[in-house]
PDB file of N, CA and C in Angstrom:
ATOM      1  N   MET A   1    -118.002 -79.902-122.321  1.00  0.00           N
ATOM      2  CA  MET A   1    -119.434 -79.696-122.210  1.00  0.00           C
ATOM      3  C   MET A   1    -120.006 -79.390-123.595  1.00  0.00           C
ATOM      4  N   ALA A   2    -121.046 -80.086-123.977  1.00  0.00           N
ATOM      5  CA  ALA A   2    -121.663 -79.907-125.283  1.00  0.00           C
ATOM      6  C   ALA A   2    -122.497 -78.632-125.314  1.00  0.00           C
ATOM      7  N   VAL A   3    -122.499 -77.993-126.471  1.00  0.00           N
ATOM      8  CA  VAL A   3    -123.265 -76.765-126.646  1.00  0.00           C
ATOM      9  C   VAL A   3    -124.694 -77.139-126.998  1.00  0.00           C
ATOM     10  N   GLN A   4    -125.650 -76.491-126.359  1.00  0.00           N
ATOM     11  CA  GLN A   4    -127.063 -76.737-126.612  1.00  0.00           C
ATOM     12  C   GLN A   4    -127.554 -75.787-127.709  1.00  0.00           C
ATOM     13  N   TYR A   5    -128.265 -76.310-128.681  1.00  0.00           N
ATOM     14  CA  TYR A   5    -128.842 -75.502-129.744  1.00  0.00           C
ATOM     15  C   TYR A   5    -130.351 -75.583-129.637  1.00  0.00           C
ATOM     16  N   THR A   6    -131.005 -74.493-129.972  1.00  0.00           N
ATOM     17  CA  THR A   6    -132.457 -74.470-129.923  1.00  0.00           C
ATOM     18  C   THR A   6    -133.006 -74.488-131.343  1.00  0.00           C
ATOM     19  N   ILE A   7    -134.275 -74.774-131.435  1.00  0.00           N
ATOM     20  CA  ILE A   7    -134.937 -74.797-132.733  1.00  0.00           C
ATOM     21  C   ILE A   7    -134.903 -73.411-133.367  1.00  0.00           C
ATOM     22  N   ASP A   8    -135.008 -72.352-132.566  1.00  0.00           N
ATOM     23  CA  ASP A   8    -134.942 -70.990-133.105  1.00  0.00           C
ATOM     24  C   ASP A   8    -133.587 -70.705-133.738  1.00  0.00           C
ATOM     25  N   GLN A   9    -132.513 -71.169-133.122  1.00  0.00           N
ATOM     26  CA  GLN A   9    -131.177 -70.966-133.690  1.00  0.00           C
ATOM     27  C   GLN A   9    -131.019 -71.730-135.002  1.00  0.00           C
ATOM     28  N   ILE A  10    -131.565 -72.928-135.054  1.00  0.00           N
ATOM     29  CA  ILE A  10    -131.501 -73.726-136.277  1.00  0.00           C
ATOM     30  C   ILE A  10    -132.296 -73.044-137.384  1.00  0.00           C
ATOM     31  N   LYS A  11    -133.485 -72.524-137.054  1.00  0.00           N
ATOM     32  CA  LYS A  11    -134.314 -71.830-138.047  1.00  0.00           C
ATOM     33  C   LYS A  11    -133.593 -70.608-138.596  1.00  0.00           C
ATOM     34  N   LYS A  12    -132.947 -69.840-137.733  1.00  0.00           N
ATOM     35  CA  LYS A  12    -132.228 -68.645-138.189  1.00  0.00           C
ATOM     36  C   LYS A  12    -131.085 -69.010-139.129  1.00  0.00           C
ATOM     37  N   SER A  13    -130.386 -70.091-138.835  1.00  0.00           N
ATOM     38  CA  SER A  13    -129.288 -70.487-139.720  1.00  0.00           C
ATOM     39  C   SER A  13    -129.817 -70.988-141.065  1.00  0.00           C
ATOM     40  N   LEU A  14    -130.996 -71.613-141.079  1.00  0.00           N
ATOM     41  CA  LEU A  14    -131.590 -72.050-142.343  1.00  0.00           C
ATOM     42  C   LEU A  14    -132.177 -70.881-143.119  1.00  0.00           C
ATOM     43  N   ASP A  15    -132.712 -69.876-142.417  1.00  0.00           N
ATOM     44  CA  ASP A  15    -133.249 -68.691-143.090  1.00  0.00           C
ATOM     45  C   ASP A  15    -132.182 -68.013-143.942  1.00  0.00           C
ATOM     46  N   ALA A  16    -130.948 -68.044-143.484  1.00  0.00           N
ATOM     47  CA  ALA A  16    -129.847 -67.414-144.221  1.00  0.00           C
ATOM     48  C   ALA A  16    -129.471 -68.200-145.478  1.00  0.00           C
ATOM     49  N   CYS A  17    -129.938 -69.432-145.591  1.00  0.00           N
ATOM     50  CA  CYS A  17    -129.558 -70.290-146.721  1.00  0.00           C
ATOM     51  C   CYS A  17    -130.689 -70.518-147.714  1.00  0.00           C
ATOM     52  N   VAL A  18    -131.789 -69.808-147.592  1.00  0.00           N
ATOM     53  CA  VAL A  18    -132.922 -69.995-148.502  1.00  0.00           C
ATOM     54  C   VAL A  18    -132.486 -69.633-149.920  1.00  0.00           C
ATOM     55  N   GLY A  19    -132.812 -70.508-150.865  1.00  0.00           N
ATOM     56  CA  GLY A  19    -132.463 -70.295-152.259  1.00  0.00           C
ATOM     57  C   GLY A  19    -131.124 -70.880-152.657  1.00  0.00           C
ATOM     58  N   LYS A  20    -130.401 -71.445-151.721  1.00  0.00           N
ATOM     59  CA  LYS A  20    -129.081 -72.010-152.010  1.00  0.00           C
ATOM     60  C   LYS A  20    -129.169 -73.526-152.174  1.00  0.00           C
ATOM     61  N   LYS A  21    -128.224 -74.063-152.927  1.00  0.00           N
ATOM     62  CA  LYS A  21    -128.169 -75.504-153.162  1.00  0.00           C
ATOM     63  C   LYS A  21    -127.537 -76.186-151.957  1.00  0.00           C
ATOM     64  N   VAL A  22    -128.190 -77.230-151.463  1.00  0.00           N
ATOM     65  CA  VAL A  22    -127.720 -77.953-150.284  1.00  0.00           C
ATOM     66  C   VAL A  22    -127.685 -79.450-150.575  1.00  0.00           C
ATOM     67  N   LYS A  23    -126.899 -80.156-149.790  1.00  0.00           N
ATOM     68  CA  LYS A  23    -126.883 -81.618-149.825  1.00  0.00           C
ATOM     69  C   LYS A  23    -127.686 -82.105-148.633  1.00  0.00           C
ATOM     70  N   LEU A  24    -128.550 -83.063-148.883  1.00  0.00           N
ATOM     71  CA  LEU A  24    -129.448 -83.599-147.869  1.00  0.00           C
ATOM     72  C   LEU A  24    -129.061 -85.035-147.563  1.00  0.00           C
ATOM     73  N   ARG A  25    -129.035 -85.360-146.277  1.00  0.00           N
ATOM     74  CA  ARG A  25    -128.844 -86.740-145.831  1.00  0.00           C
ATOM     75  C   ARG A  25    -129.874 -86.977-144.742  1.00  0.00           C
ATOM     76  N   ALA A  26    -130.852 -87.848-145.032  1.00  0.00           N
ATOM     77  CA  ALA A  26    -131.953 -88.076-144.107  1.00  0.00           C
ATOM     78  C   ALA A  26    -132.063 -89.550-143.750  1.00  0.00           C
ATOM     79  N   ASP A  27    -132.218 -89.825-142.471  1.00  0.00           N
ATOM     80  CA  ASP A  27    -132.420 -91.180-141.970  1.00  0.00           C
ATOM     81  C   ASP A  27    -133.901 -91.506-142.098  1.00  0.00           C
ATOM     82  N   LYS A  28    -134.224 -92.502-142.907  1.00  0.00           N
ATOM     83  CA  LYS A  28    -135.616 -92.878-143.127  1.00  0.00           C
ATOM     84  C   LYS A  28    -136.035 -94.083-142.294  1.00  0.00           C
ATOM     85  N   GLY A  29    -135.159 -94.536-141.397  1.00  0.00           N
ATOM     86  CA  GLY A  29    -135.491 -95.668-140.539  1.00  0.00           C
ATOM     87  C   GLY A  29    -135.128 -96.995-141.175  1.00  0.00           C
ATOM     88  N   ARG A  30    -134.966 -98.007-140.342  1.00  0.00           N
ATOM     89  CA  ARG A  30    -134.635 -99.365-140.791  1.00  0.00           C
ATOM     90  C   ARG A  30    -133.434 -99.394-141.729  1.00  0.00           C
ATOM     91  N   LYS A  31    -132.412 -98.660-141.351  1.00  0.00           N
ATOM     92  CA  LYS A  31    -131.143 -98.611-142.083  1.00  0.00           C
ATOM     93  C   LYS A  31    -131.285 -98.070-143.505  1.00  0.00           C
ATOM     94  N   ARG A  32    -132.314 -97.276-143.753  1.00  0.00           N
ATOM     95  CA  ARG A  32    -132.478 -96.632-145.053  1.00  0.00           C
ATOM     96  C   ARG A  32    -132.083 -95.169-144.915  1.00  0.00           C
ATOM     97  N   VAL A  33    -131.276 -94.704-145.836  1.00  0.00           N
ATOM     98  CA  VAL A  33    -130.799 -93.327-145.802  1.00  0.00           C
ATOM     99  C   VAL A  33    -131.018 -92.703-147.176  1.00  0.00           C
ATOM    100  N   LEU A  34    -131.585 -91.503-147.186  1.00  0.00           N
ATOM    101  CA  LEU A  34    -131.773 -90.747-148.417  1.00  0.00           C
ATOM    102  C   LEU A  34    -130.658 -89.721-148.526  1.00  0.00           C
ATOM    103  N   GLU A  35    -129.928 -89.758-149.636  1.00  0.00           N
ATOM    104  CA  GLU A  35    -128.901 -88.757-149.906  1.00  0.00           C
ATOM    105  C   GLU A  35    -129.236 -88.112-151.240  1.00  0.00           C
ATOM    106  N   ALA A  36    -129.373 -86.785-151.240  1.00  0.00           N
ATOM    107  CA  ALA A  36    -129.754 -86.075-152.458  1.00  0.00           C
ATOM    108  C   ALA A  36    -129.270 -84.638-152.385  1.00  0.00           C
ATOM    109  N   GLU A  37    -129.365 -83.958-153.525  1.00  0.00           N
ATOM    110  CA  GLU A  37    -129.050 -82.539-153.594  1.00  0.00           C
ATOM    111  C   GLU A  37    -130.298 -81.801-154.023  1.00  0.00           C
ATOM    112  N   GLY A  38    -130.447 -80.603-153.490  1.00  0.00           N
ATOM    113  CA  GLY A  38    -131.601 -79.802-153.834  1.00  0.00           C
ATOM    114  C   GLY A  38    -131.426 -78.368-153.385  1.00  0.00           C
ATOM    115  N   VAL A  39    -132.498 -77.603-153.525  1.00  0.00           N
ATOM    116  CA  VAL A  39    -132.494 -76.191-153.159  1.00  0.00           C
ATOM    117  C   VAL A  39    -133.418 -75.998-151.966  1.00  0.00           C
ATOM    118  N   LEU A  40    -132.924 -75.288-150.968  1.00  0.00           N
ATOM    119  CA  LEU A  40    -133.756 -74.936-149.816  1.00  0.00           C
ATOM    120  C   LEU A  40    -134.723 -73.853-150.279  1.00  0.00           C
ATOM    121  N   VAL A  41    -135.987 -74.225-150.458  1.00  0.00           N
ATOM    122  CA  VAL A  41    -136.966 -73.338-151.080  1.00  0.00           C
ATOM    123  C   VAL A  41    -137.545 -72.346-150.087  1.00  0.00           C
ATOM    124  N   GLU A  42    -138.083 -72.842-148.980  1.00  0.00           N
ATOM    125  CA  GLU A  42    -138.739 -71.959-148.017  1.00  0.00           C
ATOM    126  C   GLU A  42    -138.563 -72.483-146.606  1.00  0.00           C
ATOM    127  N   THR A  43    -138.673 -71.564-145.659  1.00  0.00           N
ATOM    128  CA  THR A  43    -138.709 -71.942-144.247  1.00  0.00           C
ATOM    129  C   THR A  43    -140.011 -71.421-143.664  1.00  0.00           C
ATOM    130  N   TYR A  44    -140.620 -72.223-142.863  1.00  0.00           N
ATOM    131  CA  TYR A  44    -141.860 -71.877-142.180  1.00  0.00           C
ATOM    132  C   TYR A  44    -141.605 -71.945-140.680  1.00  0.00           C
ATOM    133  N   PRO A  45    -142.548 -71.507-139.861  1.00  0.00           N
ATOM    134  CA  PRO A  45    -142.309 -71.526-138.408  1.00  0.00           C
ATOM    135  C   PRO A  45    -141.973 -72.903-137.838  1.00  0.00           C
ATOM    136  N   LYS A  46    -142.499 -73.966-138.397  1.00  0.00           N
ATOM    137  CA  LYS A  46    -142.265 -75.303-137.842  1.00  0.00           C
ATOM    138  C   LYS A  46    -141.506 -76.242-138.770  1.00  0.00           C
ATOM    139  N   LEU A  47    -141.371 -75.907-140.062  1.00  0.00           N
ATOM    140  CA  LEU A  47    -140.707 -76.809-140.995  1.00  0.00           C
ATOM    141  C   LEU A  47    -140.041 -76.043-142.121  1.00  0.00           C
ATOM    142  N   PHE A  48    -139.246 -76.769-142.918  1.00  0.00           N
ATOM    143  CA  PHE A  48    -138.601 -76.190-144.088  1.00  0.00           C
ATOM    144  C   PHE A  48    -138.789 -77.133-145.269  1.00  0.00           C
ATOM    145  N   VAL A  49    -138.703 -76.578-146.484  1.00  0.00           N
ATOM    146  CA  VAL A  49    -138.980 -77.334-147.702  1.00  0.00           C
ATOM    147  C   VAL A  49    -137.742 -77.327-148.597  1.00  0.00           C
ATOM    148  N   ILE A  50    -137.416 -78.507-149.125  1.00  0.00           N
ATOM    149  CA  ILE A  50    -136.297 -78.659-150.054  1.00  0.00           C
ATOM    150  C   ILE A  50    -136.838 -79.220-151.365  1.00  0.00           C
ATOM    151  N   LYS A  51    -136.492 -78.551-152.474  1.00  0.00           N
ATOM    152  CA  LYS A  51    -136.866 -79.034-153.803  1.00  0.00           C
ATOM    153  C   LYS A  51    -135.675 -79.802-154.353  1.00  0.00           C
ATOM    154  N   LEU A  52    -135.867 -81.090-154.604  1.00  0.00           N
ATOM    155  CA  LEU A  52    -134.774 -81.951-155.057  1.00  0.00           C
ATOM    156  C   LEU A  52    -134.476 -81.737-156.533  1.00  0.00           C
ATOM    157  N   ASP A  53    -133.220 -81.935-156.901  1.00  0.00           N
ATOM    158  CA  ASP A  53    -132.784 -81.814-158.290  1.00  0.00           C
ATOM    159  C   ASP A  53    -133.010 -83.139-159.001  1.00  0.00           C
ATOM    160  N   LYS A  54    -134.183 -83.338-159.500  1.00  0.00           N
ATOM    161  CA  LYS A  54    -134.508 -84.535-160.267  1.00  0.00           C
ATOM    162  C   LYS A  54    -135.036 -84.075-161.620  1.00  0.00           C
ATOM    163  N   SER A  55    -134.433 -84.565-162.692  1.00  0.00           N
ATOM    164  CA  SER A  55    -134.836 -84.113-164.018  1.00  0.00           C
ATOM    165  C   SER A  55    -136.173 -84.713-164.462  1.00  0.00           C
ATOM    166  N   ASN A  56    -136.509 -85.893-163.967  1.00  0.00           N
ATOM    167  CA  ASN A  56    -137.722 -86.554-164.434  1.00  0.00           C
ATOM    168  C   ASN A  56    -138.976 -86.135-163.668  1.00  0.00           C
ATOM    169  N   ALA A  57    -138.836 -85.602-162.481  1.00  0.00           N
ATOM    170  CA  ALA A  57    -140.012 -85.212-161.703  1.00  0.00           C
ATOM    171  C   ALA A  57    -139.622 -84.155-160.678  1.00  0.00           C
ATOM    172  N   VAL A  58    -140.544 -83.246-160.430  1.00  0.00           N
ATOM    173  CA  VAL A  58    -140.321 -82.254-159.383  1.00  0.00           C
ATOM    174  C   VAL A  58    -140.711 -82.896-158.066  1.00  0.00           C
ATOM    175  N   ARG A  59    -139.785 -82.892-157.124  1.00  0.00           N
ATOM    176  CA  ARG A  59    -140.052 -83.525-155.838  1.00  0.00           C
ATOM    177  C   ARG A  59    -139.666 -82.566-154.733  1.00  0.00           C
ATOM    178  N   ARG A  60    -140.572 -82.378-153.808  1.00  0.00           N
ATOM    179  CA  ARG A  60    -140.314 -81.518-152.662  1.00  0.00           C
ATOM    180  C   ARG A  60    -140.412 -82.352-151.394  1.00  0.00           C
ATOM    181  N   LEU A  61    -139.481 -82.108-150.497  1.00  0.00           N
ATOM    182  CA  LEU A  61    -139.487 -82.789-149.209  1.00  0.00           C
ATOM    183  C   LEU A  61    -139.550 -81.740-148.119  1.00  0.00           C
ATOM    184  N   SER A  62    -140.267 -82.048-147.066  1.00  0.00           N
ATOM    185  CA  SER A  62    -140.327 -81.126-145.932  1.00  0.00           C
ATOM    186  C   SER A  62    -139.900 -81.859-144.666  1.00  0.00           C
ATOM    187  N   TYR A  63    -139.178 -81.134-143.842  1.00  0.00           N
ATOM    188  CA  TYR A  63    -138.696 -81.662-142.570  1.00  0.00           C
ATOM    189  C   TYR A  63    -138.888 -80.600-141.502  1.00  0.00           C
ATOM    190  N   THR A  64    -138.897 -81.027-140.260  1.00  0.00           N
ATOM    191  CA  THR A  64    -139.005 -80.083-139.152  1.00  0.00           C
ATOM    192  C   THR A  64    -137.611 -79.733-138.643  1.00  0.00           C
ATOM    193  N   TYR A  65    -137.536 -78.635-137.903  1.00  0.00           N
ATOM    194  CA  TYR A  65    -136.259 -78.226-137.315  1.00  0.00           C
ATOM    195  C   TYR A  65    -135.823 -79.226-136.243  1.00  0.00           C
ATOM    196  N   ALA A  66    -136.782 -79.910-135.648  1.00  0.00           N
ATOM    197  CA  ALA A  66    -136.460 -80.938-134.653  1.00  0.00           C
ATOM    198  C   ALA A  66    -135.715 -82.106-135.300  1.00  0.00           C
ATOM    199  N   ASP A  67    -135.961 -82.362-136.588  1.00  0.00           N
ATOM    200  CA  ASP A  67    -135.226 -83.418-137.292  1.00  0.00           C
ATOM    201  C   ASP A  67    -133.738 -83.093-137.361  1.00  0.00           C
ATOM    202  N   ILE A  68    -133.405 -81.824-137.532  1.00  0.00           N
ATOM    203  CA  ILE A  68    -131.995 -81.417-137.529  1.00  0.00           C
ATOM    204  C   ILE A  68    -131.442 -81.490-136.117  1.00  0.00           C
ATOM    205  N   LEU A  69    -132.236 -81.060-135.144  1.00  0.00           N
ATOM    206  CA  LEU A  69    -131.799 -81.070-133.750  1.00  0.00           C
ATOM    207  C   LEU A  69    -131.478 -82.486-133.278  1.00  0.00           C
ATOM    208  N   THR A  70    -132.287 -83.458-133.689  1.00  0.00           N
ATOM    209  CA  THR A  70    -132.072 -84.853-133.299  1.00  0.00           C
ATOM    210  C   THR A  70    -131.143 -85.591-134.266  1.00  0.00           C
ATOM    211  N   GLU A  71    -130.623 -84.873-135.267  1.00  0.00           N
ATOM    212  CA  GLU A  71    -129.677 -85.388-136.255  1.00  0.00           C
ATOM    213  C   GLU A  71    -130.249 -86.508-137.120  1.00  0.00           C
ATOM    214  N   LYS A  72    -131.558 -86.501-137.342  1.00  0.00           N
ATOM    215  CA  LYS A  72    -132.159 -87.426-138.302  1.00  0.00           C
ATOM    216  C   LYS A  72    -132.013 -86.879-139.715  1.00  0.00           C
ATOM    217  N   VAL A  73    -131.794 -85.570-139.811  1.00  0.00           N
ATOM    218  CA  VAL A  73    -131.569 -84.902-141.093  1.00  0.00           C
ATOM    219  C   VAL A  73    -130.300 -84.070-140.976  1.00  0.00           C
ATOM    220  N   GLU A  74    -129.441 -84.174-141.989  1.00  0.00           N
ATOM    221  CA  GLU A  74    -128.232 -83.356-142.052  1.00  0.00           C
ATOM    222  C   GLU A  74    -128.254 -82.575-143.355  1.00  0.00           C
ATOM    223  N   LEU A  75    -128.026 -81.278-143.267  1.00  0.00           N
ATOM    224  CA  LEU A  75    -127.915 -80.430-144.448  1.00  0.00           C
ATOM    225  C   LEU A  75    -126.503 -79.878-144.510  1.00  0.00           C
ATOM    226  N   THR A  76    -125.910 -79.915-145.701  1.00  0.00           N
ATOM    227  CA  THR A  76    -124.577 -79.341-145.862  1.00  0.00           C
ATOM    228  C   THR A  76    -124.588 -78.367-147.027  1.00  0.00           C
ATOM    229  N   LEU A  77    -123.864 -77.279-146.848  1.00  0.00           N
ATOM    230  CA  LEU A  77    -123.706 -76.250-147.868  1.00  0.00           C
ATOM    231  C   LEU A  77    -122.221 -75.948-147.953  1.00  0.00           C
ATOM    232  N   ASP A  78    -121.618 -76.184-149.108  1.00  0.00           N
ATOM    233  CA  ASP A  78    -120.175 -75.973-149.296  1.00  0.00           C
ATOM    234  C   ASP A  78    -119.360 -76.746-148.260  1.00  0.00           C
ATOM    235  N   ASP A  79    -119.699 -78.004-148.047  1.00  0.00           N
ATOM    236  CA  ASP A  79    -119.007 -78.896-147.103  1.00  0.00           C
ATOM    237  C   ASP A  79    -119.071 -78.418-145.660  1.00  0.00           C
ATOM    238  N   LYS A  80    -120.065 -77.629-145.317  1.00  0.00           N
ATOM    239  CA  LYS A  80    -120.266 -77.171-143.943  1.00  0.00           C
ATOM    240  C   LYS A  80    -121.699 -77.494-143.543  1.00  0.00           C
ATOM    241  N   ARG A  81    -121.858 -78.142-142.393  1.00  0.00           N
ATOM    242  CA  ARG A  81    -123.201 -78.499-141.927  1.00  0.00           C
ATOM    243  C   ARG A  81    -123.984 -77.257-141.561  1.00  0.00           C
ATOM    244  N   ILE A  82    -125.242 -77.256-141.934  1.00  0.00           N
ATOM    245  CA  ILE A  82    -126.142 -76.154-141.615  1.00  0.00           C
ATOM    246  C   ILE A  82    -126.973 -76.565-140.413  1.00  0.00           C
ATOM    247  N   GLY A  83    -127.242 -75.635-139.537  1.00  0.00           N
ATOM    248  CA  GLY A  83    -128.084 -75.907-138.376  1.00  0.00           C
ATOM    249  C   GLY A  83    -127.274 -76.145-137.137  1.00  0.00           C
ATOM    250  N   ILE A  84    -126.534 -77.241-137.113  1.00  0.00           N
ATOM    251  CA  ILE A  84    -125.695 -77.565-135.965  1.00  0.00           C
ATOM    252  C   ILE A  84    -124.262 -77.666-136.458  1.00  0.00           C
ATOM    253  N   PRO A  85    -123.377 -76.805-135.985  1.00  0.00           N
ATOM    254  CA  PRO A  85    -121.983 -76.888-136.428  1.00  0.00           C
ATOM    255  C   PRO A  85    -121.340 -78.205-136.003  1.00  0.00           C
ATOM    256  N   SER A  86    -120.484 -78.737-136.859  1.00  0.00           N
ATOM    257  CA  SER A  86    -119.808 -79.988-136.533  1.00  0.00           C
ATOM    258  C   SER A  86    -118.571 -79.744-135.705  1.00  0.00           C
TER     259      SER A  86
END
């Protein structure tokens, strides 16, 4: 039986990782995937913000906790998935 995770549980696990460097893997649709590294900057009630490590430009991406729940976004910290355990 699969374990059910809620958005609140995902938010709490991300709150513990604010300020840490994470690896991002996001499905952008039509077989396009974004893979990058950045810092989890802030968490808000409905979304979280990641600042990407790009030397030429500061880039921030925001995603919702539902994106992690539906596995459209995967965050890893020290080779361990954040949000939903593997």
